[in-house]
PDB file of N, CA and C in Angstrom:
ATOM      1  N   MET A   1     136.487  93.676 128.288  1.00  0.00           N
ATOM      2  CA  MET A   1     134.773  94.501 127.653  1.00  0.00           C
ATOM      3  C   MET A   1     134.985  95.559 127.795  1.00  0.00           C
ATOM      4  N   LYS A   2     134.703  95.625 126.979  1.00  0.00           N
ATOM      5  CA  LYS A   2     134.107  96.724 126.115  1.00  0.00           C
ATOM      6  C   LYS A   2     132.817  97.518 126.306  1.00  0.00           C
ATOM      7  N   GLU A   3     132.607  98.525 127.209  1.00  0.00           N
ATOM      8  CA  GLU A   3     131.457  99.332 128.110  1.00  0.00           C
ATOM      9  C   GLU A   3     130.246  99.863 126.421  1.00  0.00           C
ATOM     10  N   ARG A   4     129.175  99.516 126.623  1.00  0.00           N
ATOM     11  CA  ARG A   4     128.266  99.610 125.781  1.00  0.00           C
ATOM     12  C   ARG A   4     126.994 100.625 126.048  1.00  0.00           C
ATOM     13  N   ASN A   5     126.616 101.482 125.441  1.00  0.00           N
ATOM     14  CA  ASN A   5     125.618 102.481 126.159  1.00  0.00           C
ATOM     15  C   ASN A   5     124.791 102.838 124.936  1.00  0.00           C
ATOM     16  N   CYS A   6     123.526 102.836 125.806  1.00  0.00           N
ATOM     17  CA  CYS A   6     121.949 103.047 124.652  1.00  0.00           C
ATOM     18  C   CYS A   6     122.226 104.073 123.763  1.00  0.00           C
ATOM     19  N   LEU A   7     122.021 103.706 122.676  1.00  0.00           N
ATOM     20  CA  LEU A   7     121.776 104.374 121.212  1.00  0.00           C
ATOM     21  C   LEU A   7     120.869 106.107 121.396  1.00  0.00           C
ATOM     22  N   TYR A   8     120.166 105.118 122.280  1.00  0.00           N
ATOM     23  CA  TYR A   8     119.239 106.511 123.043  1.00  0.00           C
ATOM     24  C   TYR A   8     119.499 107.551 124.057  1.00  0.00           C
ATOM     25  N   CYS A   9     119.315 106.523 125.046  1.00  0.00           N
ATOM     26  CA  CYS A   9     119.395 107.199 126.734  1.00  0.00           C
ATOM     27  C   CYS A   9     121.360 108.050 127.183  1.00  0.00           C
ATOM     28  N   GLN A  10     122.198 106.593 126.475  1.00  0.00           N
ATOM     29  CA  GLN A  10     123.309 107.227 127.133  1.00  0.00           C
ATOM     30  C   GLN A  10     123.618 106.538 127.821  1.00  0.00           C
ATOM     31  N   GLU A  11     122.370 105.578 128.621  1.00  0.00           N
ATOM     32  CA  GLU A  11     122.514 105.038 129.641  1.00  0.00           C
ATOM     33  C   GLU A  11     123.750 103.053 129.906  1.00  0.00           C
ATOM     34  N   LYS A  12     124.230 102.363 130.519  1.00  0.00           N
ATOM     35  CA  LYS A  12     124.714 101.401 130.287  1.00  0.00           C
ATOM     36  C   LYS A  12     124.276 100.159 130.413  1.00  0.00           C
ATOM     37  N   ILE A  13     124.472  99.430 129.397  1.00  0.00           N
ATOM     38  CA  ILE A  13     123.329  98.623 129.260  1.00  0.00           C
ATOM     39  C   ILE A  13     124.013  96.864 129.108  1.00  0.00           C
ATOM     40  N   LEU A  14     123.484  96.343 129.768  1.00  0.00           N
ATOM     41  CA  LEU A  14     123.354  94.973 130.167  1.00  0.00           C
ATOM     42  C   LEU A  14     123.169  94.017 129.773  1.00  0.00           C
ATOM     43  N   GLY A  15     123.273  92.730 129.394  1.00  0.00           N
ATOM     44  CA  GLY A  15     123.158  91.659 128.360  1.00  0.00           C
ATOM     45  C   GLY A  15     123.685  91.108 127.031  1.00  0.00           C
ATOM     46  N   ARG A  16     123.192  90.977 126.189  1.00  0.00           N
ATOM     47  CA  ARG A  16     123.123  90.928 125.482  1.00  0.00           C
ATOM     48  C   ARG A  16     125.108  91.651 124.232  1.00  0.00           C
ATOM     49  N   THR A  17     125.582  90.791 124.008  1.00  0.00           N
ATOM     50  CA  THR A  17     126.409  91.129 123.145  1.00  0.00           C
ATOM     51  C   THR A  17     126.343  92.476 121.925  1.00  0.00           C
ATOM     52  N   ASP A  18     125.235  92.248 120.980  1.00  0.00           N
ATOM     53  CA  ASP A  18     124.276  92.864 120.035  1.00  0.00           C
ATOM     54  C   ASP A  18     123.635  93.710 120.790  1.00  0.00           C
ATOM     55  N   LYS A  19     123.545  93.907 121.973  1.00  0.00           N
ATOM     56  CA  LYS A  19     121.724  95.059 122.322  1.00  0.00           C
ATOM     57  C   LYS A  19     122.636  96.208 122.055  1.00  0.00           C
ATOM     58  N   LYS A  20     121.741  97.079 121.981  1.00  0.00           N
ATOM     59  CA  LYS A  20     122.238  98.252 121.039  1.00  0.00           C
ATOM     60  C   LYS A  20     121.378  99.638 122.000  1.00  0.00           C
ATOM     61  N   PHE A  21     119.993  99.312 122.502  1.00  0.00           N
ATOM     62  CA  PHE A  21     118.940  99.863 122.920  1.00  0.00           C
ATOM     63  C   PHE A  21     118.925  98.441 125.164  1.00  0.00           C
ATOM     64  N   CYS A  22     118.754 100.125 125.061  1.00  0.00           N
ATOM     65  CA  CYS A  22     118.138  99.523 126.909  1.00  0.00           C
ATOM     66  C   CYS A  22     117.098  98.815 127.117  1.00  0.00           C
ATOM     67  N   ASP A  23     116.641  98.750 126.131  1.00  0.00           N
ATOM     68  CA  ASP A  23     114.400  98.828 126.651  1.00  0.00           C
ATOM     69  C   ASP A  23     113.977  98.960 125.891  1.00  0.00           C
ATOM     70  N   ASP A  24     112.679  98.489 125.429  1.00  0.00           N
ATOM     71  CA  ASP A  24     111.668  98.558 124.110  1.00  0.00           C
ATOM     72  C   ASP A  24     111.470 100.710 123.798  1.00  0.00           C
ATOM     73  N   HIS A  25     111.171 101.346 124.971  1.00  0.00           N
ATOM     74  CA  HIS A  25     110.994 102.420 125.070  1.00  0.00           C
ATOM     75  C   HIS A  25     112.518 102.778 124.718  1.00  0.00           C
ATOM     76  N   CYS A  26     113.472 102.880 124.357  1.00  0.00           N
ATOM     77  CA  CYS A  26     114.778 103.604 124.168  1.00  0.00           C
ATOM     78  C   CYS A  26     114.192 103.635 122.414  1.00  0.00           C
ATOM     79  N   ARG A  27     113.755 102.287 121.636  1.00  0.00           N
ATOM     80  CA  ARG A  27     114.430 101.366 120.806  1.00  0.00           C
ATOM     81  C   ARG A  27     113.445 101.987 120.342  1.00  0.00           C
ATOM     82  N   SER A  28     112.214 102.658 120.415  1.00  0.00           N
ATOM     83  CA  SER A  28     110.844 103.266 120.177  1.00  0.00           C
ATOM     84  C   SER A  28     111.249 104.558 120.502  1.00  0.00           C
ATOM     85  N   SER A  29     111.606 104.703 120.912  1.00  0.00           N
ATOM     86  CA  SER A  29     111.916 106.794 120.714  1.00  0.00           C
ATOM     87  C   SER A  29     112.525 106.646 119.972  1.00  0.00           C
ATOM     88  N   TYR A  30     114.020 106.152 119.687  1.00  0.00           N
ATOM     89  CA  TYR A  30     114.838 105.709 118.766  1.00  0.00           C
ATOM     90  C   TYR A  30     115.458 106.363 117.626  1.00  0.00           C
ATOM     91  N   ASN A  31     113.841 104.917 116.758  1.00  0.00           N
ATOM     92  CA  ASN A  31     113.462 104.614 115.255  1.00  0.00           C
ATOM     93  C   ASN A  31     112.643 105.556 115.295  1.00  0.00           C
ATOM     94  N   ASN A  32     111.860 106.249 116.166  1.00  0.00           N
ATOM     95  CA  ASN A  32     110.193 106.969 116.462  1.00  0.00           C
ATOM     96  C   ASN A  32     111.094 108.454 115.087  1.00  0.00           C
ATOM     97  N   GLN A  33     112.463 109.434 116.318  1.00  0.00           N
ATOM     98  CA  GLN A  33     113.283 110.354 115.897  1.00  0.00           C
ATOM     99  C   GLN A  33     113.775 110.049 115.230  1.00  0.00           C
ATOM    100  N   LEU A  34     114.762 109.112 114.283  1.00  0.00           N
ATOM    101  CA  LEU A  34     115.267 108.605 113.070  1.00  0.00           C
ATOM    102  C   LEU A  34     114.194 109.060 111.637  1.00  0.00           C
ATOM    103  N   ASN A  35     113.166 108.109 112.786  1.00  0.00           N
ATOM    104  CA  ASN A  35     111.829 108.608 111.070  1.00  0.00           C
ATOM    105  C   ASN A  35     110.696 109.649 111.378  1.00  0.00           C
ATOM    106  N   GLY A  36     110.816 110.165 111.760  1.00  0.00           N
ATOM    107  CA  GLY A  36     109.684 111.339 112.253  1.00  0.00           C
ATOM    108  C   GLY A  36     109.591 111.758 110.965  1.00  0.00           C
ATOM    109  N   PHE A  37     110.654 113.060 110.536  1.00  0.00           N
ATOM    110  CA  PHE A  37     110.084 113.044 109.105  1.00  0.00           C
ATOM    111  C   PHE A  37     109.531 113.504 108.263  1.00  0.00           C
ATOM    112  N   THR A  38     110.104 111.932 107.832  1.00  0.00           N
ATOM    113  CA  THR A  38     110.312 110.723 106.882  1.00  0.00           C
ATOM    114  C   THR A  38     108.677 110.970 107.024  1.00  0.00           C
ATOM    115  N   ASN A  39     107.834 109.685 108.041  1.00  0.00           N
ATOM    116  CA  ASN A  39     106.859 109.393 107.995  1.00  0.00           C
ATOM    117  C   ASN A  39     105.767 110.758 108.165  1.00  0.00           C
ATOM    118  N   SER A  40     105.667 111.892 108.543  1.00  0.00           N
ATOM    119  CA  SER A  40     105.498 112.992 108.765  1.00  0.00           C
ATOM    120  C   SER A  40     105.117 113.641 107.959  1.00  0.00           C
ATOM    121  N   LYS A  41     105.966 114.071 106.509  1.00  0.00           N
ATOM    122  CA  LYS A  41     106.081 113.513 104.618  1.00  0.00           C
ATOM    123  C   LYS A  41     104.647 112.936 104.283  1.00  0.00           C
ATOM    124  N   ILE A  42     104.449 111.537 104.752  1.00  0.00           N
ATOM    125  CA  ILE A  42     104.324 110.126 103.928  1.00  0.00           C
ATOM    126  C   ILE A  42     102.696 110.528 104.342  1.00  0.00           C
ATOM    127  N   ARG A  43     102.703 111.384 105.972  1.00  0.00           N
ATOM    128  CA  ARG A  43     101.493 111.018 106.207  1.00  0.00           C
ATOM    129  C   ARG A  43     101.030 112.330 105.680  1.00  0.00           C
ATOM    130  N   THR A  44     101.471 113.586 105.700  1.00  0.00           N
ATOM    131  CA  THR A  44     101.129 114.858 105.246  1.00  0.00           C
ATOM    132  C   THR A  44     100.561 114.539 103.339  1.00  0.00           C
ATOM    133  N   VAL A  45     101.286 114.206 102.507  1.00  0.00           N
ATOM    134  CA  VAL A  45     100.420 113.295 101.470  1.00  0.00           C
ATOM    135  C   VAL A  45      99.343 112.369 100.677  1.00  0.00           C
ATOM    136  N   ASP A  46      99.473 111.853 101.962  1.00  0.00           N
ATOM    137  CA  ASP A  46      98.383 110.473 102.880  1.00  0.00           C
ATOM    138  C   ASP A  46      96.873 111.730 102.912  1.00  0.00           C
ATOM    139  N   HIS A  47      96.703 111.927 103.627  1.00  0.00           N
ATOM    140  CA  HIS A  47      95.770 112.640 104.392  1.00  0.00           C
ATOM    141  C   HIS A  47      95.548 113.644 103.092  1.00  0.00           C
ATOM    142  N   ALA A  48      96.658 114.372 102.306  1.00  0.00           N
ATOM    143  CA  ALA A  48      96.111 115.366 100.417  1.00  0.00           C
ATOM    144  C   ALA A  48      94.516 113.963  99.578  1.00  0.00           C
ATOM    145  N   LEU A  49      95.642 113.074 100.116  1.00  0.00           N
ATOM    146  CA  LEU A  49      94.949 111.810  98.754  1.00  0.00           C
ATOM    147  C   LEU A  49      93.989 111.770  99.648  1.00  0.00           C
ATOM    148  N   LYS A  50      93.474 111.236 100.667  1.00  0.00           N
ATOM    149  CA  LYS A  50      92.497 111.196 101.509  1.00  0.00           C
ATOM    150  C   LYS A  50      91.287 111.655 101.355  1.00  0.00           C
ATOM    151  N   LYS A  51      91.530 113.586 101.156  1.00  0.00           N
ATOM    152  CA  LYS A  51      90.473 114.408 101.515  1.00  0.00           C
ATOM    153  C   LYS A  51      90.813 114.646 100.275  1.00  0.00           C
ATOM    154  N   ASN A  52      91.768 114.678  98.881  1.00  0.00           N
ATOM    155  CA  ASN A  52      90.735 115.132  97.614  1.00  0.00           C
ATOM    156  C   ASN A  52      90.099 113.456  97.280  1.00  0.00           C
ATOM    157  N   ARG A  53      89.708 112.504  97.682  1.00  0.00           N
ATOM    158  CA  ARG A  53      89.457 111.180  96.863  1.00  0.00           C
ATOM    159  C   ARG A  53      87.563 111.273  97.740  1.00  0.00           C
ATOM    160  N   ARG A  54      87.832 112.035  99.482  1.00  0.00           N
ATOM    161  CA  ARG A  54      86.588 111.730  99.967  1.00  0.00           C
ATOM    162  C   ARG A  54      86.069 113.024  98.968  1.00  0.00           C
ATOM    163  N   ILE A  55      85.845 114.306  98.946  1.00  0.00           N
ATOM    164  CA  ILE A  55      85.325 115.796  97.844  1.00  0.00           C
ATOM    165  C   ILE A  55      84.811 115.275  96.601  1.00  0.00           C
ATOM    166  N   LEU A  56      85.562 113.673  96.255  1.00  0.00           N
ATOM    167  CA  LEU A  56      85.444 113.621  94.554  1.00  0.00           C
ATOM    168  C   LEU A  56      84.309 112.733  94.602  1.00  0.00           C
ATOM    169  N   MET A  57      84.285 112.025  96.387  1.00  0.00           N
ATOM    170  CA  MET A  57      83.068 110.659  95.881  1.00  0.00           C
ATOM    171  C   MET A  57      81.693 111.240  97.021  1.00  0.00           C
ATOM    172  N   GLY A  58      81.931 112.132  96.934  1.00  0.00           N
ATOM    173  CA  GLY A  58      80.912 113.308  97.875  1.00  0.00           C
ATOM    174  C   GLY A  58      80.146 114.075  96.319  1.00  0.00           C
ATOM    175  N   PHE A  59      80.117 113.773  95.131  1.00  0.00           N
ATOM    176  CA  PHE A  59      80.121 114.434  94.021  1.00  0.00           C
ATOM    177  C   PHE A  59      79.302 113.148  93.342  1.00  0.00           C
ATOM    178  N   PHE A  60      78.782 112.055  93.994  1.00  0.00           N
ATOM    179  CA  PHE A  60      78.320 110.916  93.602  1.00  0.00           C
ATOM    180  C   PHE A  60      77.290 110.392  94.325  1.00  0.00           C
ATOM    181  N   ASN A  61      75.665 110.864  93.483  1.00  0.00           N
ATOM    182  CA  ASN A  61      74.217 110.301  94.438  1.00  0.00           C
ATOM    183  C   ASN A  61      74.433 108.913  93.979  1.00  0.00           C
ATOM    184  N   SER A  62      75.004 108.137  93.523  1.00  0.00           N
ATOM    185  CA  SER A  62      74.479 106.531  92.603  1.00  0.00           C
ATOM    186  C   SER A  62      75.341 105.725  92.773  1.00  0.00           C
ATOM    187  N   LYS A  63      75.042 105.000  92.875  1.00  0.00           N
ATOM    188  CA  LYS A  63      76.671 103.909  92.156  1.00  0.00           C
ATOM    189  C   LYS A  63      76.482 103.803  91.047  1.00  0.00           C
ATOM    190  N   ASN A  64      75.318 103.909  90.115  1.00  0.00           N
ATOM    191  CA  ASN A  64      75.222 104.059  88.394  1.00  0.00           C
ATOM    192  C   ASN A  64      76.421 105.133  88.150  1.00  0.00           C
ATOM    193  N   GLU A  65      76.381 105.654  88.494  1.00  0.00           N
ATOM    194  CA  GLU A  65      76.806 108.027  88.201  1.00  0.00           C
ATOM    195  C   GLU A  65      78.418 106.613  87.794  1.00  0.00           C
ATOM    196  N   TYR A  66      79.085 108.023  87.112  1.00  0.00           N
ATOM    197  CA  TYR A  66      80.980 107.622  86.764  1.00  0.00           C
ATOM    198  C   TYR A  66      81.116 108.755  86.497  1.00  0.00           C
ATOM    199  N   THR A  67      79.850 109.465  85.462  1.00  0.00           N
ATOM    200  CA  THR A  67      80.943 111.357  85.657  1.00  0.00           C
ATOM    201  C   THR A  67      79.672 112.036  85.721  1.00  0.00           C
ATOM    202  N   VAL A  68      80.959 112.902  86.555  1.00  0.00           N
ATOM    203  CA  VAL A  68      79.893 114.138  87.104  1.00  0.00           C
ATOM    204  C   VAL A  68      80.856 115.409  86.742  1.00  0.00           C
ATOM    205  N   LEU A  69      80.104 117.287  86.243  1.00  0.00           N
ATOM    206  CA  LEU A  69      79.973 118.253  85.523  1.00  0.00           C
ATOM    207  C   LEU A  69      79.549 119.220  86.887  1.00  0.00           C
ATOM    208  N   VAL A  70      81.302 119.325  86.799  1.00  0.00           N
ATOM    209  CA  VAL A  70      81.354 120.173  88.134  1.00  0.00           C
ATOM    210  C   VAL A  70      82.094 121.672  87.999  1.00  0.00           C
ATOM    211  N   ILE A  71      81.802 123.077  88.451  1.00  0.00           N
ATOM    212  CA  ILE A  71      82.516 124.693  88.526  1.00  0.00           C
ATOM    213  C   ILE A  71      83.857 123.820  89.255  1.00  0.00           C
ATOM    214  N   ASP A  72      84.556 124.688  88.694  1.00  0.00           N
ATOM    215  CA  ASP A  72      86.519 124.241  89.238  1.00  0.00           C
ATOM    216  C   ASP A  72      86.367 125.057  89.864  1.00  0.00           C
ATOM    217  N   ARG A  73      85.182 125.993  90.201  1.00  0.00           N
ATOM    218  CA  ARG A  73      85.868 126.700  91.630  1.00  0.00           C
ATOM    219  C   ARG A  73      85.087 126.168  92.794  1.00  0.00           C
ATOM    220  N   LYS A  74      84.006 125.256  92.700  1.00  0.00           N
ATOM    221  CA  LYS A  74      83.306 124.796  93.710  1.00  0.00           C
ATOM    222  C   LYS A  74      84.322 123.338  94.454  1.00  0.00           C
ATOM    223  N   ILE A  75      85.329 122.798  93.207  1.00  0.00           N
ATOM    224  CA  ILE A  75      85.891 121.554  93.311  1.00  0.00           C
ATOM    225  C   ILE A  75      86.891 121.958  95.109  1.00  0.00           C
ATOM    226  N   GLN A  76      87.571 123.918  94.393  1.00  0.00           N
ATOM    227  CA  GLN A  76      88.633 124.318  94.938  1.00  0.00           C
ATOM    228  C   GLN A  76      88.111 125.315  96.736  1.00  0.00           C
ATOM    229  N   GLU A  77      87.219 125.198  96.358  1.00  0.00           N
ATOM    230  CA  GLU A  77      86.337 125.839  97.893  1.00  0.00           C
ATOM    231  C   GLU A  77      86.341 125.060  98.981  1.00  0.00           C
ATOM    232  N   MET A  78      85.948 123.473  98.116  1.00  0.00           N
ATOM    233  CA  MET A  78      85.953 122.398  99.543  1.00  0.00           C
ATOM    234  C   MET A  78      87.823 121.714  99.599  1.00  0.00           C
ATOM    235  N   GLY A  79      88.810 122.737  99.210  1.00  0.00           N
ATOM    236  CA  GLY A  79      89.745 122.027  99.808  1.00  0.00           C
ATOM    237  C   GLY A  79      90.613 121.150  98.934  1.00  0.00           C
ATOM    238  N   PHE A  80      89.993 120.899  97.471  1.00  0.00           N
ATOM    239  CA  PHE A  80      90.428 119.952  97.221  1.00  0.00           C
ATOM    240  C   PHE A  80      92.016 120.649  96.559  1.00  0.00           C
ATOM    241  N   LEU A  81      93.243 119.992  96.274  1.00  0.00           N
ATOM    242  CA  LEU A  81      94.567 120.428  96.475  1.00  0.00           C
ATOM    243  C   LEU A  81      94.539 118.894  94.781  1.00  0.00           C
ATOM    244  N   PHE A  82      95.165 120.153  93.894  1.00  0.00           N
ATOM    245  CA  PHE A  82      95.168 119.780  92.319  1.00  0.00           C
ATOM    246  C   PHE A  82      96.501 118.917  92.714  1.00  0.00           C
ATOM    247  N   GLN A  83      97.555 119.422  93.198  1.00  0.00           N
ATOM    248  CA  GLN A  83      98.778 118.933  92.788  1.00  0.00           C
ATOM    249  C   GLN A  83      99.122 117.716  93.184  1.00  0.00           C
ATOM    250  N   PHE A  84      97.990 116.719  94.411  1.00  0.00           N
ATOM    251  CA  PHE A  84      97.749 115.365  95.320  1.00  0.00           C
ATOM    252  C   PHE A  84      96.990 114.642  94.022  1.00  0.00           C
ATOM    253  N   HIS A  85      97.850 113.645  93.343  1.00  0.00           N
ATOM    254  CA  HIS A  85      96.787 112.718  92.083  1.00  0.00           C
ATOM    255  C   HIS A  85      98.146 111.382  92.503  1.00  0.00           C
ATOM    256  N   THR A  86      97.207 110.194  92.950  1.00  0.00           N
ATOM    257  CA  THR A  86      97.541 108.928  92.512  1.00  0.00           C
ATOM    258  C   THR A  86      98.177 108.504  91.456  1.00  0.00           C
ATOM    259  N   HIS A  87      97.153 108.983  90.126  1.00  0.00           N
ATOM    260  CA  HIS A  87      98.225 108.433  88.989  1.00  0.00           C
ATOM    261  C   HIS A  87      97.270 109.351  87.947  1.00  0.00           C
ATOM    262  N   ILE A  88      97.618 108.723  86.537  1.00  0.00           N
ATOM    263  CA  ILE A  88      96.796 109.714  84.931  1.00  0.00           C
ATOM    264  C   ILE A  88      96.978 108.899  84.550  1.00  0.00           C
ATOM    265  N   ASP A  89      95.751 108.541  84.033  1.00  0.00           N
ATOM    266  CA  ASP A  89      95.455 108.054  83.341  1.00  0.00           C
ATOM    267  C   ASP A  89      94.569 108.738  81.285  1.00  0.00           C
ATOM    268  N   ILE A  90      94.549 107.704  80.200  1.00  0.00           N
ATOM    269  CA  ILE A  90      93.708 108.591  79.851  1.00  0.00           C
ATOM    270  C   ILE A  90      93.179 107.680  78.869  1.00  0.00           C
ATOM    271  N   LEU A  91      91.601 108.740  79.209  1.00  0.00           N
ATOM    272  CA  LEU A  91      90.398 107.788  79.173  1.00  0.00           C
ATOM    273  C   LEU A  91      90.734 107.596  77.414  1.00  0.00           C
ATOM    274  N   GLU A  92      89.086 106.897  77.383  1.00  0.00           N
ATOM    275  CA  GLU A  92      88.874 105.954  75.798  1.00  0.00           C
ATOM    276  C   GLU A  92      88.074 107.479  74.912  1.00  0.00           C
ATOM    277  N   SER A  93      88.035 108.632  75.581  1.00  0.00           N
ATOM    278  CA  SER A  93      87.482 109.482  75.138  1.00  0.00           C
ATOM    279  C   SER A  93      89.191 110.719  74.502  1.00  0.00           C
ATOM    280  N   GLY A  94      89.988 110.385  75.235  1.00  0.00           N
ATOM    281  CA  GLY A  94      90.899 110.867  74.554  1.00  0.00           C
ATOM    282  C   GLY A  94      91.729 111.909  75.352  1.00  0.00           C
ATOM    283  N   GLU A  95      90.620 112.574  76.748  1.00  0.00           N
ATOM    284  CA  GLU A  95      90.915 113.489  77.591  1.00  0.00           C
ATOM    285  C   GLU A  95      92.111 112.542  78.576  1.00  0.00           C
ATOM    286  N   THR A  96      93.262 113.189  79.528  1.00  0.00           N
ATOM    287  CA  THR A  96      93.438 112.932  80.578  1.00  0.00           C
ATOM    288  C   THR A  96      93.113 113.092  81.947  1.00  0.00           C
ATOM    289  N   CYS A  97      93.330 112.098  82.566  1.00  0.00           N
ATOM    290  CA  CYS A  97      92.477 112.391  83.918  1.00  0.00           C
ATOM    291  C   CYS A  97      93.584 111.861  84.921  1.00  0.00           C
ATOM    292  N   PHE A  98      93.391 112.609  85.697  1.00  0.00           N
ATOM    293  CA  PHE A  98      93.525 112.825  87.129  1.00  0.00           C
ATOM    294  C   PHE A  98      93.093 112.151  88.562  1.00  0.00           C
ATOM    295  N   TYR A  99      94.429 111.045  88.807  1.00  0.00           N
ATOM    296  CA  TYR A  99      92.839 109.933  89.744  1.00  0.00           C
ATOM    297  C   TYR A  99      93.671 110.671  91.432  1.00  0.00           C
ATOM    298  N   CYS A 100      92.448 109.722  91.671  1.00  0.00           N
ATOM    299  CA  CYS A 100      92.371 109.993  93.630  1.00  0.00           C
ATOM    300  C   CYS A 100      92.468 108.458  93.644  1.00  0.00           C
ATOM    301  N   TYR A 101      92.794 107.798  93.668  1.00  0.00           N
ATOM    302  CA  TYR A 101      92.659 105.636  93.810  1.00  0.00           C
ATOM    303  C   TYR A 101      91.283 106.101  92.845  1.00  0.00           C
ATOM    304  N   ASP A 102      90.381 106.004  93.341  1.00  0.00           N
ATOM    305  CA  ASP A 102      89.458 105.478  92.273  1.00  0.00           C
ATOM    306  C   ASP A 102      88.379 106.340  91.467  1.00  0.00           C
ATOM    307  N   TYR A 103      88.521 107.553  92.236  1.00  0.00           N
ATOM    308  CA  TYR A 103      88.356 108.654  91.831  1.00  0.00           C
ATOM    309  C   TYR A 103      89.093 109.521  90.875  1.00  0.00           C
ATOM    310  N   GLY A 104      88.034 110.180  89.657  1.00  0.00           N
ATOM    311  CA  GLY A 104      89.579 111.476  88.865  1.00  0.00           C
ATOM    312  C   GLY A 104      89.217 112.557  88.621  1.00  0.00           C
ATOM    313  N   ILE A 105      90.122 113.187  88.001  1.00  0.00           N
ATOM    314  CA  ILE A 105      89.359 114.763  87.555  1.00  0.00           C
ATOM    315  C   ILE A 105      89.804 114.794  86.170  1.00  0.00           C
ATOM    316  N   VAL A 106      89.035 115.772  85.005  1.00  0.00           N
ATOM    317  CA  VAL A 106      89.547 115.386  83.785  1.00  0.00           C
ATOM    318  C   VAL A 106      89.020 117.603  84.032  1.00  0.00           C
ATOM    319  N   PRO A 107      90.271 117.866  83.392  1.00  0.00           N
ATOM    320  CA  PRO A 107      90.001 119.173  83.875  1.00  0.00           C
ATOM    321  C   PRO A 107      89.617 120.184  82.238  1.00  0.00           C
ATOM    322  N   LEU A 108      88.114 120.586  82.700  1.00  0.00           N
ATOM    323  CA  LEU A 108      87.399 121.606  80.983  1.00  0.00           C
ATOM    324  C   LEU A 108      87.141 122.777  80.946  1.00  0.00           C
ATOM    325  N   GLY A 109      88.421 124.051  80.884  1.00  0.00           N
ATOM    326  CA  GLY A 109      88.390 124.937  80.964  1.00  0.00           C
ATOM    327  C   GLY A 109      88.067 125.202  82.737  1.00  0.00           C
ATOM    328  N   ASN A 110      87.178 125.964  82.287  1.00  0.00           N
ATOM    329  CA  ASN A 110      85.955 125.970  84.166  1.00  0.00           C
ATOM    330  C   ASN A 110      85.596 125.146  85.063  1.00  0.00           C
ATOM    331  N   LYS A 111      85.793 124.409  83.814  1.00  0.00           N
ATOM    332  CA  LYS A 111      84.327 123.492  84.972  1.00  0.00           C
ATOM    333  C   LYS A 111      85.576 121.355  85.086  1.00  0.00           C
ATOM    334  N   ILE A 112      84.607 120.947  85.172  1.00  0.00           N
ATOM    335  CA  ILE A 112      85.698 119.666  86.114  1.00  0.00           C
ATOM    336  C   ILE A 112      84.644 118.668  85.728  1.00  0.00           C
ATOM    337  N   LYS A 113      85.663 117.343  84.740  1.00  0.00           N
ATOM    338  CA  LYS A 113      84.442 116.388  84.956  1.00  0.00           C
ATOM    339  C   LYS A 113      85.316 115.447  85.593  1.00  0.00           C
ATOM    340  N   VAL A 114      83.897 115.520  86.896  1.00  0.00           N
ATOM    341  CA  VAL A 114      84.410 113.980  88.410  1.00  0.00           C
ATOM    342  C   VAL A 114      84.322 112.761  87.383  1.00  0.00           C
ATOM    343  N   VAL A 115      84.866 111.417  87.437  1.00  0.00           N
ATOM    344  CA  VAL A 115      85.327 110.802  87.178  1.00  0.00           C
ATOM    345  C   VAL A 115      84.632 109.363  87.946  1.00  0.00           C
ATOM    346  N   LYS A 116      84.467 108.088  87.812  1.00  0.00           N
ATOM    347  CA  LYS A 116      84.170 107.103  89.092  1.00  0.00           C
ATOM    348  C   LYS A 116      84.942 105.809  88.016  1.00  0.00           C
ATOM    349  N   ALA A 117      86.358 105.390  88.190  1.00  0.00           N
ATOM    350  CA  ALA A 117      86.675 104.162  87.875  1.00  0.00           C
ATOM    351  C   ALA A 117      85.217 102.895  87.334  1.00  0.00           C
ATOM    352  N   LYS A 118      85.485 102.356  86.655  1.00  0.00           N
ATOM    353  CA  LYS A 118      84.460 101.280  86.890  1.00  0.00           C
ATOM    354  C   LYS A 118      85.271 100.604  87.424  1.00  0.00           C
ATOM    355  N   VAL A 119      84.471  99.823  88.775  1.00  0.00           N
ATOM    356  CA  VAL A 119      85.708  98.042  88.679  1.00  0.00           C
ATOM    357  C   VAL A 119      84.947  96.975  87.831  1.00  0.00           C
TER     358      VAL A 119
END
């Protein structure tokens, strides 16, 4: 019978013939190491999207507001990252809106129209 070693720590494995790791710690560590870079990238993008949404949400004072006009410099100073958005939509007015989930921006020269999607 061929000797099997743990894929993570290289220790000898005892037990079932299809076992790849000596314990749960090694299995978890191996998969974290394997997926670490991918998960890190996803976390970075997800963090940026959520931050952008929080910034946009902060411009609205009431539930009945659906658009707010903001100076583009102000939104940049708050840390908004324009390259991160979830989707693009064309509004009824014909303007292109870049959304972060349910809040979006419409660039208008040196101003930005912040839009809240109607649910």
